[in-house]
Full PDB file with SEQRES, HELIX, SHEET, SSBOND, CRYST1, ORIGX, SCALE, CONECT and MASTER records, all heavy atoms in Angstrom:
SEQRES   1 A   33  SER ALA ILE VAL PHE ASN ALA LEU ILE ILE PRO LEU LEU          
SEQRES   2 A   33  VAL PRO LEU ALA LEU ARG GLY VAL ARG TYR ARG ALA LEU          
SEQRES   3 A   33  GLY ALA THR ALA LEU LEU ARG                                  
HELIX    1 AA1 ALA A    2  ARG A   19  1                                  18    
HELIX    2 AA2 ALA A   28  LEU A   32  1                                   5    
CRYST1    1.000    1.000    1.000  90.00  90.00  90.00 P 1           1          
ORIGX1      1.000000  0.000000  0.000000        0.00000                         
ORIGX2      0.000000  1.000000  0.000000        0.00000                         
ORIGX3      0.000000  0.000000  1.000000        0.00000                         
SCALE1      1.000000  0.000000  0.000000        0.00000                         
SCALE2      0.000000  1.000000  0.000000        0.00000                         
SCALE3      0.000000  0.000000  1.000000        0.00000                         
ATOM      1  N   SER A   1       0.829  -1.207   0.000  1.00  0.00           N  
ATOM      2  CA  SER A   1       0.000   0.000   0.000  1.00  0.00           C  
ATOM      3  C   SER A   1       0.863   1.255   0.000  1.00  0.00           C  
ATOM      4  O   SER A   1       0.571   2.235  -0.700  1.00  0.00           O  
ATOM      5  CB  SER A   1      -0.924   0.006   1.218  1.00  0.00           C  
ATOM      6  OG  SER A   1      -1.809  -1.096   1.184  1.00  0.00           O  
ATOM      7  N   ALA A   2       1.932   1.227   0.803  1.00  0.00           N  
ATOM      8  CA  ALA A   2       2.825   2.388   0.849  1.00  0.00           C  
ATOM      9  C   ALA A   2       3.524   2.599  -0.487  1.00  0.00           C  
ATOM     10  O   ALA A   2       3.655   3.740  -0.967  1.00  0.00           O  
ATOM     11  CB  ALA A   2       3.855   2.213   1.963  1.00  0.00           C  
ATOM     12  N   ILE A   3       3.974   1.515  -1.115  1.00  0.00           N  
ATOM     13  CA  ILE A   3       4.670   1.623  -2.400  1.00  0.00           C  
ATOM     14  C   ILE A   3       3.710   2.079  -3.503  1.00  0.00           C  
ATOM     15  O   ILE A   3       4.071   2.895  -4.358  1.00  0.00           O  
ATOM     16  CB  ILE A   3       5.321   0.271  -2.769  1.00  0.00           C  
ATOM     17  CG1 ILE A   3       6.482  -0.023  -1.813  1.00  0.00           C  
ATOM     18  CG2 ILE A   3       5.825   0.279  -4.201  1.00  0.00           C  
ATOM     19  CD1 ILE A   3       7.599   1.002  -1.881  1.00  0.00           C  
ATOM     20  N   VAL A   4       2.477   1.554  -3.491  1.00  0.00           N  
ATOM     21  CA  VAL A   4       1.487   1.953  -4.504  1.00  0.00           C  
ATOM     22  C   VAL A   4       1.154   3.437  -4.356  1.00  0.00           C  
ATOM     23  O   VAL A   4       1.102   4.182  -5.339  1.00  0.00           O  
ATOM     24  CB  VAL A   4       0.210   1.091  -4.388  1.00  0.00           C  
ATOM     25  CG1 VAL A   4      -0.900   1.655  -5.274  1.00  0.00           C  
ATOM     26  CG2 VAL A   4       0.508  -0.357  -4.784  1.00  0.00           C  
ATOM     27  N   PHE A   5       0.933   3.887  -3.119  1.00  0.00           N  
ATOM     28  CA  PHE A   5       0.642   5.304  -2.902  1.00  0.00           C  
ATOM     29  C   PHE A   5       1.821   6.160  -3.347  1.00  0.00           C  
ATOM     30  O   PHE A   5       1.649   7.215  -3.968  1.00  0.00           O  
ATOM     31  CB  PHE A   5       0.339   5.568  -1.423  1.00  0.00           C  
ATOM     32  CG  PHE A   5       0.112   7.026  -1.123  1.00  0.00           C  
ATOM     33  CD1 PHE A   5      -1.138   7.584  -1.296  1.00  0.00           C  
ATOM     34  CD2 PHE A   5       1.160   7.841  -0.690  1.00  0.00           C  
ATOM     35  CE1 PHE A   5      -1.347   8.935  -1.037  1.00  0.00           C  
ATOM     36  CE2 PHE A   5       0.957   9.183  -0.433  1.00  0.00           C  
ATOM     37  CZ  PHE A   5      -0.297   9.729  -0.605  1.00  0.00           C  
ATOM     38  N   ASN A   6       3.011   5.712  -3.020  1.00  0.00           N  
ATOM     39  CA  ASN A   6       4.222   6.436  -3.385  1.00  0.00           C  
ATOM     40  C   ASN A   6       4.324   6.633  -4.895  1.00  0.00           C  
ATOM     41  O   ASN A   6       4.804   7.673  -5.372  1.00  0.00           O  
ATOM     42  CB  ASN A   6       5.441   5.665  -2.875  1.00  0.00           C  
ATOM     43  CG  ASN A   6       6.713   6.486  -2.925  1.00  0.00           C  
ATOM     44  OD1 ASN A   6       6.817   7.507  -2.276  1.00  0.00           O  
ATOM     45  ND2 ASN A   6       7.674   6.029  -3.715  1.00  0.00           N  
ATOM     46  N   ALA A   7       3.853   5.649  -5.663  1.00  0.00           N  
ATOM     47  CA  ALA A   7       3.897   5.747  -7.131  1.00  0.00           C  
ATOM     48  C   ALA A   7       2.751   6.594  -7.665  1.00  0.00           C  
ATOM     49  O   ALA A   7       2.937   7.446  -8.538  1.00  0.00           O  
ATOM     50  CB  ALA A   7       3.858   4.351  -7.748  1.00  0.00           C  
ATOM     51  N   LEU A   8       1.531   6.378  -7.144  1.00  0.00           N  
ATOM     52  CA  LEU A   8       0.358   7.050  -7.698  1.00  0.00           C  
ATOM     53  C   LEU A   8       0.331   8.546  -7.413  1.00  0.00           C  
ATOM     54  O   LEU A   8      -0.261   9.308  -8.190  1.00  0.00           O  
ATOM     55  CB  LEU A   8      -0.921   6.408  -7.138  1.00  0.00           C  
ATOM     56  CG  LEU A   8      -1.231   4.985  -7.602  1.00  0.00           C  
ATOM     57  CD1 LEU A   8      -2.522   4.494  -6.959  1.00  0.00           C  
ATOM     58  CD2 LEU A   8      -1.345   4.928  -9.127  1.00  0.00           C  
ATOM     59  N   ILE A   9       0.951   8.964  -6.317  1.00  0.00           N  
ATOM     60  CA  ILE A   9       0.904  10.386  -5.987  1.00  0.00           C  
ATOM     61  C   ILE A   9       1.642  11.218  -7.032  1.00  0.00           C  
ATOM     62  O   ILE A   9       1.339  12.415  -7.223  1.00  0.00           O  
ATOM     63  CB  ILE A   9       1.499  10.639  -4.574  1.00  0.00           C  
ATOM     64  CG1 ILE A   9       1.076  12.011  -4.056  1.00  0.00           C  
ATOM     65  CG2 ILE A   9       3.008  10.497  -4.573  1.00  0.00           C  
ATOM     66  CD1 ILE A   9      -0.398  12.176  -3.835  1.00  0.00           C  
ATOM     67  N   ILE A  10       2.589  10.625  -7.746  1.00  0.00           N  
ATOM     68  CA  ILE A  10       3.365  11.375  -8.746  1.00  0.00           C  
ATOM     69  C   ILE A  10       2.479  11.837  -9.904  1.00  0.00           C  
ATOM     70  O   ILE A  10       2.410  13.040 -10.191  1.00  0.00           O  
ATOM     71  CB  ILE A  10       4.567  10.543  -9.242  1.00  0.00           C  
ATOM     72  CG1 ILE A  10       5.543  10.317  -8.085  1.00  0.00           C  
ATOM     73  CG2 ILE A  10       5.269  11.240 -10.407  1.00  0.00           C  
ATOM     74  CD1 ILE A  10       6.665   9.348  -8.404  1.00  0.00           C  
ATOM     75  N   PRO A  11       1.766  10.937 -10.625  1.00  0.00           N  
ATOM     76  CA  PRO A  11       0.907  11.434 -11.710  1.00  0.00           C  
ATOM     77  C   PRO A  11      -0.224  12.327 -11.211  1.00  0.00           C  
ATOM     78  O   PRO A  11      -0.677  13.211 -11.944  1.00  0.00           O  
ATOM     79  CB  PRO A  11       0.368  10.153 -12.353  1.00  0.00           C  
ATOM     80  CG  PRO A  11       0.541   9.084 -11.335  1.00  0.00           C  
ATOM     81  CD  PRO A  11       1.749   9.460 -10.562  1.00  0.00           C  
ATOM     82  N   LEU A  12      -0.679  12.118  -9.961  1.00  0.00           N  
ATOM     83  CA  LEU A  12      -1.739  12.972  -9.434  1.00  0.00           C  
ATOM     84  C   LEU A  12      -1.255  14.413  -9.242  1.00  0.00           C  
ATOM     85  O   LEU A  12      -2.053  15.354  -9.329  1.00  0.00           O  
ATOM     86  CB  LEU A  12      -2.254  12.415  -8.102  1.00  0.00           C  
ATOM     87  CG  LEU A  12      -3.040  11.095  -8.182  1.00  0.00           C  
ATOM     88  CD1 LEU A  12      -3.412  10.617  -6.783  1.00  0.00           C  
ATOM     89  CD2 LEU A  12      -4.291  11.264  -9.036  1.00  0.00           C  
ATOM     90  N   LEU A  13       0.047  14.572  -8.984  1.00  0.00           N  
ATOM     91  CA  LEU A  13       0.593  15.910  -8.766  1.00  0.00           C  
ATOM     92  C   LEU A  13       1.164  16.538 -10.038  1.00  0.00           C  
ATOM     93  O   LEU A  13       1.554  17.712 -10.012  1.00  0.00           O  
ATOM     94  CB  LEU A  13       1.680  15.867  -7.690  1.00  0.00           C  
ATOM     95  CG  LEU A  13       1.207  15.603  -6.260  1.00  0.00           C  
ATOM     96  CD1 LEU A  13       2.413  15.471  -5.332  1.00  0.00           C  
ATOM     97  CD2 LEU A  13       0.292  16.714  -5.774  1.00  0.00           C  
ATOM     98  N   VAL A  14       1.218  15.790 -11.129  1.00  0.00           N  
ATOM     99  CA  VAL A  14       1.776  16.327 -12.374  1.00  0.00           C  
ATOM    100  C   VAL A  14       1.050  17.595 -12.836  1.00  0.00           C  
ATOM    101  O   VAL A  14       1.690  18.600 -13.172  1.00  0.00           O  
ATOM    102  CB  VAL A  14       1.787  15.258 -13.485  1.00  0.00           C  
ATOM    103  CG1 VAL A  14       2.019  15.892 -14.854  1.00  0.00           C  
ATOM    104  CG2 VAL A  14       2.877  14.231 -13.225  1.00  0.00           C  
ATOM    105  N   PRO A  15      -0.307  17.623 -12.886  1.00  0.00           N  
ATOM    106  CA  PRO A  15      -0.973  18.863 -13.314  1.00  0.00           C  
ATOM    107  C   PRO A  15      -0.600  20.065 -12.445  1.00  0.00           C  
ATOM    108  O   PRO A  15      -0.415  21.172 -12.955  1.00  0.00           O  
ATOM    109  CB  PRO A  15      -2.470  18.522 -13.186  1.00  0.00           C  
ATOM    110  CG  PRO A  15      -2.534  17.037 -13.319  1.00  0.00           C  
ATOM    111  CD  PRO A  15      -1.287  16.541 -12.643  1.00  0.00           C  
ATOM    112  N   LEU A  16      -0.473  19.846 -11.131  1.00  0.00           N  
ATOM    113  CA  LEU A  16      -0.100  20.943 -10.238  1.00  0.00           C  
ATOM    114  C   LEU A  16       1.326  21.399 -10.519  1.00  0.00           C  
ATOM    115  O   LEU A  16       1.618  22.599 -10.530  1.00  0.00           O  
ATOM    116  CB  LEU A  16      -0.239  20.508  -8.778  1.00  0.00           C  
ATOM    117  CG  LEU A  16       0.127  21.557  -7.724  1.00  0.00           C  
ATOM    118  CD1 LEU A  16      -0.802  22.755  -7.824  1.00  0.00           C  
ATOM    119  CD2 LEU A  16       0.070  20.953  -6.324  1.00  0.00           C  
ATOM    120  N   ALA A  17       2.227  20.451 -10.754  1.00  0.00           N  
ATOM    121  CA  ALA A  17       3.627  20.796 -11.030  1.00  0.00           C  
ATOM    122  C   ALA A  17       3.753  21.605 -12.320  1.00  0.00           C  
ATOM    123  O   ALA A  17       4.543  22.548 -12.396  1.00  0.00           O  
ATOM    124  CB  ALA A  17       4.474  19.525 -11.115  1.00  0.00           C  
ATOM    125  N   LEU A  18       2.970  21.249 -13.337  1.00  0.00           N  
ATOM    126  CA  LEU A  18       3.071  21.933 -14.622  1.00  0.00           C  
ATOM    127  C   LEU A  18       2.282  23.236 -14.645  1.00  0.00           C  
ATOM    128  O   LEU A  18       2.689  24.203 -15.281  1.00  0.00           O  
ATOM    129  CB  LEU A  18       2.592  21.012 -15.745  1.00  0.00           C  
ATOM    130  CG  LEU A  18       3.374  19.702 -15.914  1.00  0.00           C  
ATOM    131  CD1 LEU A  18       2.932  18.969 -17.160  1.00  0.00           C  
ATOM    132  CD2 LEU A  18       4.878  19.964 -15.971  1.00  0.00           C  
ATOM    133  N   ARG A  19       1.154  23.248 -13.960  1.00  0.00           N  
ATOM    134  CA  ARG A  19       0.350  24.475 -13.905  1.00  0.00           C  
ATOM    135  C   ARG A  19       0.943  25.462 -12.914  1.00  0.00           C  
ATOM    136  O   ARG A  19       0.891  26.679 -13.106  1.00  0.00           O  
ATOM    137  CB  ARG A  19      -1.083  24.132 -13.515  1.00  0.00           C  
ATOM    138  CG  ARG A  19      -2.047  25.327 -13.548  1.00  0.00           C  
ATOM    139  CD  ARG A  19      -3.457  24.924 -13.168  1.00  0.00           C  
ATOM    140  NE  ARG A  19      -3.530  24.445 -11.796  1.00  0.00           N  
ATOM    141  CZ  ARG A  19      -3.755  23.191 -11.441  1.00  0.00           C  
ATOM    142  NH1 ARG A  19      -3.912  22.263 -12.376  1.00  0.00           N  
ATOM    143  NH2 ARG A  19      -3.814  22.839 -10.172  1.00  0.00           N  
ATOM    144  N   GLY A  20       1.527  24.943 -11.836  1.00  0.00           N  
ATOM    145  CA  GLY A  20       2.115  25.782 -10.807  1.00  0.00           C  
ATOM    146  C   GLY A  20       1.148  26.059  -9.676  1.00  0.00           C  
ATOM    147  O   GLY A  20      -0.064  26.141  -9.878  1.00  0.00           O  
ATOM    148  N   VAL A  21       1.694  26.178  -8.483  1.00  0.00           N  
ATOM    149  CA  VAL A  21       0.890  26.556  -7.327  1.00  0.00           C  
ATOM    150  C   VAL A  21       0.446  28.001  -7.505  1.00  0.00           C  
ATOM    151  O   VAL A  21       1.242  28.865  -7.893  1.00  0.00           O  
ATOM    152  CB  VAL A  21       1.702  26.409  -6.021  1.00  0.00           C  
ATOM    153  CG1 VAL A  21       0.925  26.954  -4.832  1.00  0.00           C  
ATOM    154  CG2 VAL A  21       2.062  24.948  -5.802  1.00  0.00           C  
ATOM    155  N   ARG A  22      -0.804  28.268  -7.241  1.00  0.00           N  
ATOM    156  CA  ARG A  22      -1.322  29.623  -7.418  1.00  0.00           C  
ATOM    157  C   ARG A  22      -0.561  30.606  -6.543  1.00  0.00           C  
ATOM    158  O   ARG A  22      -0.391  30.391  -5.352  1.00  0.00           O  
ATOM    159  CB  ARG A  22      -2.814  29.660  -7.070  1.00  0.00           C  
ATOM    160  CG  ARG A  22      -3.452  31.034  -7.294  1.00  0.00           C  
ATOM    161  CD  ARG A  22      -4.899  31.025  -6.872  1.00  0.00           C  
ATOM    162  NE  ARG A  22      -5.482  32.356  -6.991  1.00  0.00           N  
ATOM    163  CZ  ARG A  22      -6.690  32.687  -6.572  1.00  0.00           C  
ATOM    164  NH1 ARG A  22      -7.456  31.761  -6.008  1.00  0.00           N  
ATOM    165  NH2 ARG A  22      -7.151  33.907  -6.711  1.00  0.00           N  
ATOM    166  N   TYR A  23      -0.087  31.669  -7.183  1.00  0.00           N  
ATOM    167  CA  TYR A  23       0.696  32.658  -6.438  1.00  0.00           C  
ATOM    168  C   TYR A  23      -0.199  33.801  -5.970  1.00  0.00           C  
ATOM    169  O   TYR A  23      -1.031  34.301  -6.727  1.00  0.00           O  
ATOM    170  CB  TYR A  23       1.826  33.219  -7.302  1.00  0.00           C  
ATOM    171  CG  TYR A  23       2.561  34.338  -6.611  1.00  0.00           C  
ATOM    172  CD1 TYR A  23       3.362  34.076  -5.514  1.00  0.00           C  
ATOM    173  CD2 TYR A  23       2.412  35.656  -7.026  1.00  0.00           C  
ATOM    174  CE1 TYR A  23       4.014  35.092  -4.845  1.00  0.00           C  
ATOM    175  CE2 TYR A  23       3.061  36.681  -6.366  1.00  0.00           C  
ATOM    176  CZ  TYR A  23       3.858  36.395  -5.286  1.00  0.00           C  
ATOM    177  OH  TYR A  23       4.496  37.395  -4.617  1.00  0.00           O  
ATOM    178  N   ARG A  24      -0.014  34.202  -4.731  1.00  0.00           N  
ATOM    179  CA  ARG A  24      -0.706  35.353  -4.178  1.00  0.00           C  
ATOM    180  C   ARG A  24       0.317  36.338  -3.642  1.00  0.00           C  
ATOM    181  O   ARG A  24       1.333  35.931  -3.089  1.00  0.00           O  
ATOM    182  CB  ARG A  24      -1.655  34.929  -3.047  1.00  0.00           C  
ATOM    183  CG  ARG A  24      -2.795  34.037  -3.519  1.00  0.00           C  
ATOM    184  CD  ARG A  24      -3.681  33.634  -2.352  1.00  0.00           C  
ATOM    185  NE  ARG A  24      -4.766  32.753  -2.781  1.00  0.00           N  
ATOM    186  CZ  ARG A  24      -5.638  32.195  -1.947  1.00  0.00           C  
ATOM    187  NH1 ARG A  24      -5.539  32.427  -0.655  1.00  0.00           N  
ATOM    188  NH2 ARG A  24      -6.590  31.414  -2.413  1.00  0.00           N  
ATOM    189  N   ALA A  25       0.022  37.611  -3.835  1.00  0.00           N  
ATOM    190  CA  ALA A  25       0.953  38.660  -3.412  1.00  0.00           C  
ATOM    191  C   ALA A  25       0.892  38.832  -1.902  1.00  0.00           C  
ATOM    192  O   ALA A  25       0.251  39.732  -1.372  1.00  0.00           O  
ATOM    193  CB  ALA A  25       0.613  39.966  -4.112  1.00  0.00           C  
ATOM    194  N   LEU A  26       1.569  37.927  -1.198  1.00  0.00           N  
ATOM    195  CA  LEU A  26       1.622  37.979   0.261  1.00  0.00           C  
ATOM    196  C   LEU A  26       3.078  38.123   0.697  1.00  0.00           C  
ATOM    197  O   LEU A  26       3.996  37.898  -0.081  1.00  0.00           O  
ATOM    198  CB  LEU A  26       1.023  36.700   0.864  1.00  0.00           C  
ATOM    199  CG  LEU A  26      -0.417  36.360   0.475  1.00  0.00           C  
ATOM    200  CD1 LEU A  26      -0.776  34.987   1.012  1.00  0.00           C  
ATOM    201  CD2 LEU A  26      -1.388  37.404   0.989  1.00  0.00           C  
ATOM    202  N   GLY A  27       3.282  38.492   1.930  1.00  0.00           N  
ATOM    203  CA  GLY A  27       4.634  38.563   2.467  1.00  0.00           C  
ATOM    204  C   GLY A  27       5.241  37.184   2.623  1.00  0.00           C  
ATOM    205  O   GLY A  27       4.545  36.161   2.585  1.00  0.00           O  
ATOM    206  N   ALA A  28       6.564  37.140   2.802  1.00  0.00           N  
ATOM    207  CA  ALA A  28       7.269  35.861   2.896  1.00  0.00           C  
ATOM    208  C   ALA A  28       6.765  35.030   4.078  1.00  0.00           C  
ATOM    209  O   ALA A  28       6.572  33.811   3.959  1.00  0.00           O  
ATOM    210  CB  ALA A  28       8.767  36.109   3.027  1.00  0.00           C  
ATOM    211  N   THR A  29       6.513  35.675   5.211  1.00  0.00           N  
ATOM    212  CA  THR A  29       6.035  34.946   6.395  1.00  0.00           C  
ATOM    213  C   THR A  29       4.661  34.341   6.146  1.00  0.00           C  
ATOM    214  O   THR A  29       4.403  33.179   6.486  1.00  0.00           O  
ATOM    215  CB  THR A  29       5.980  35.884   7.609  1.00  0.00           C  
ATOM    216  OG1 THR A  29       7.280  36.455   7.817  1.00  0.00           O  
ATOM    217  CG2 THR A  29       5.547  35.132   8.856  1.00  0.00           C  
ATOM    218  N   ALA A  30       3.771  35.133   5.537  1.00  0.00           N  
ATOM    219  CA  ALA A  30       2.420  34.647   5.252  1.00  0.00           C  
ATOM    220  C   ALA A  30       2.449  33.502   4.246  1.00  0.00           C  
ATOM    221  O   ALA A  30       1.708  32.521   4.382  1.00  0.00           O  
ATOM    222  CB  ALA A  30       1.547  35.791   4.733  1.00  0.00           C  
ATOM    223  N   LEU A  31       3.319  33.608   3.235  1.00  0.00           N  
ATOM    224  CA  LEU A  31       3.432  32.533   2.245  1.00  0.00           C  
ATOM    225  C   LEU A  31       3.954  31.252   2.889  1.00  0.00           C  
ATOM    226  O   LEU A  31       3.465  30.151   2.597  1.00  0.00           O  
ATOM    227  CB  LEU A  31       4.364  32.960   1.107  1.00  0.00           C  
ATOM    228  CG  LEU A  31       3.773  33.896   0.048  1.00  0.00           C  
ATOM    229  CD1 LEU A  31       4.853  34.358  -0.912  1.00  0.00           C  
ATOM    230  CD2 LEU A  31       2.649  33.208  -0.714  1.00  0.00           C  
ATOM    231  N   LEU A  32       4.968  31.392   3.765  1.00  0.00           N  
ATOM    232  CA  LEU A  32       5.519  30.218   4.436  1.00  0.00           C  
ATOM    233  C   LEU A  32       4.457  29.550   5.303  1.00  0.00           C  
ATOM    234  O   LEU A  32       4.310  28.321   5.287  1.00  0.00           O  
ATOM    235  CB  LEU A  32       6.721  30.637   5.297  1.00  0.00           C  
ATOM    236  CG  LEU A  32       7.385  29.514   6.101  1.00  0.00           C  
ATOM    237  CD1 LEU A  32       7.929  28.441   5.178  1.00  0.00           C  
ATOM    238  CD2 LEU A  32       8.493  30.083   6.983  1.00  0.00           C  
ATOM    239  N   ARG A  33       3.713  30.351   6.048  1.00  0.00           N  
ATOM    240  CA  ARG A  33       2.665  29.804   6.905  1.00  0.00           C  
ATOM    241  C   ARG A  33       1.602  29.090   6.067  1.00  0.00           C  
ATOM    242  O   ARG A  33       1.161  27.994   6.413  1.00  0.00           O  
ATOM    243  CB  ARG A  33       2.029  30.928   7.725  1.00  0.00           C  
ATOM    244  CG  ARG A  33       1.046  30.439   8.788  1.00  0.00           C  
ATOM    245  CD  ARG A  33       0.320  31.599   9.458  1.00  0.00           C  
ATOM    246  NE  ARG A  33       1.250  32.609   9.938  1.00  0.00           N  
ATOM    247  CZ  ARG A  33       1.302  33.855   9.453  1.00  0.00           C  
ATOM    248  NH1 ARG A  33       0.480  34.222   8.496  1.00  0.00           N  
ATOM    249  NH2 ARG A  33       2.163  34.723   9.955  1.00  0.00           N  
TER     250      ARG A  33                                                      
MASTER        0    0    0    2    0    0    0    6  249    1    0    3          
END                                                                             
């Protein structure tokens, strides 16, 4: 189960990796939080 999840999470995150995390004009502390 751990190995299967480890593999499947990669294609599930591909759209996010290519589209990018939505950026908001916040300060560094707020972004980190």
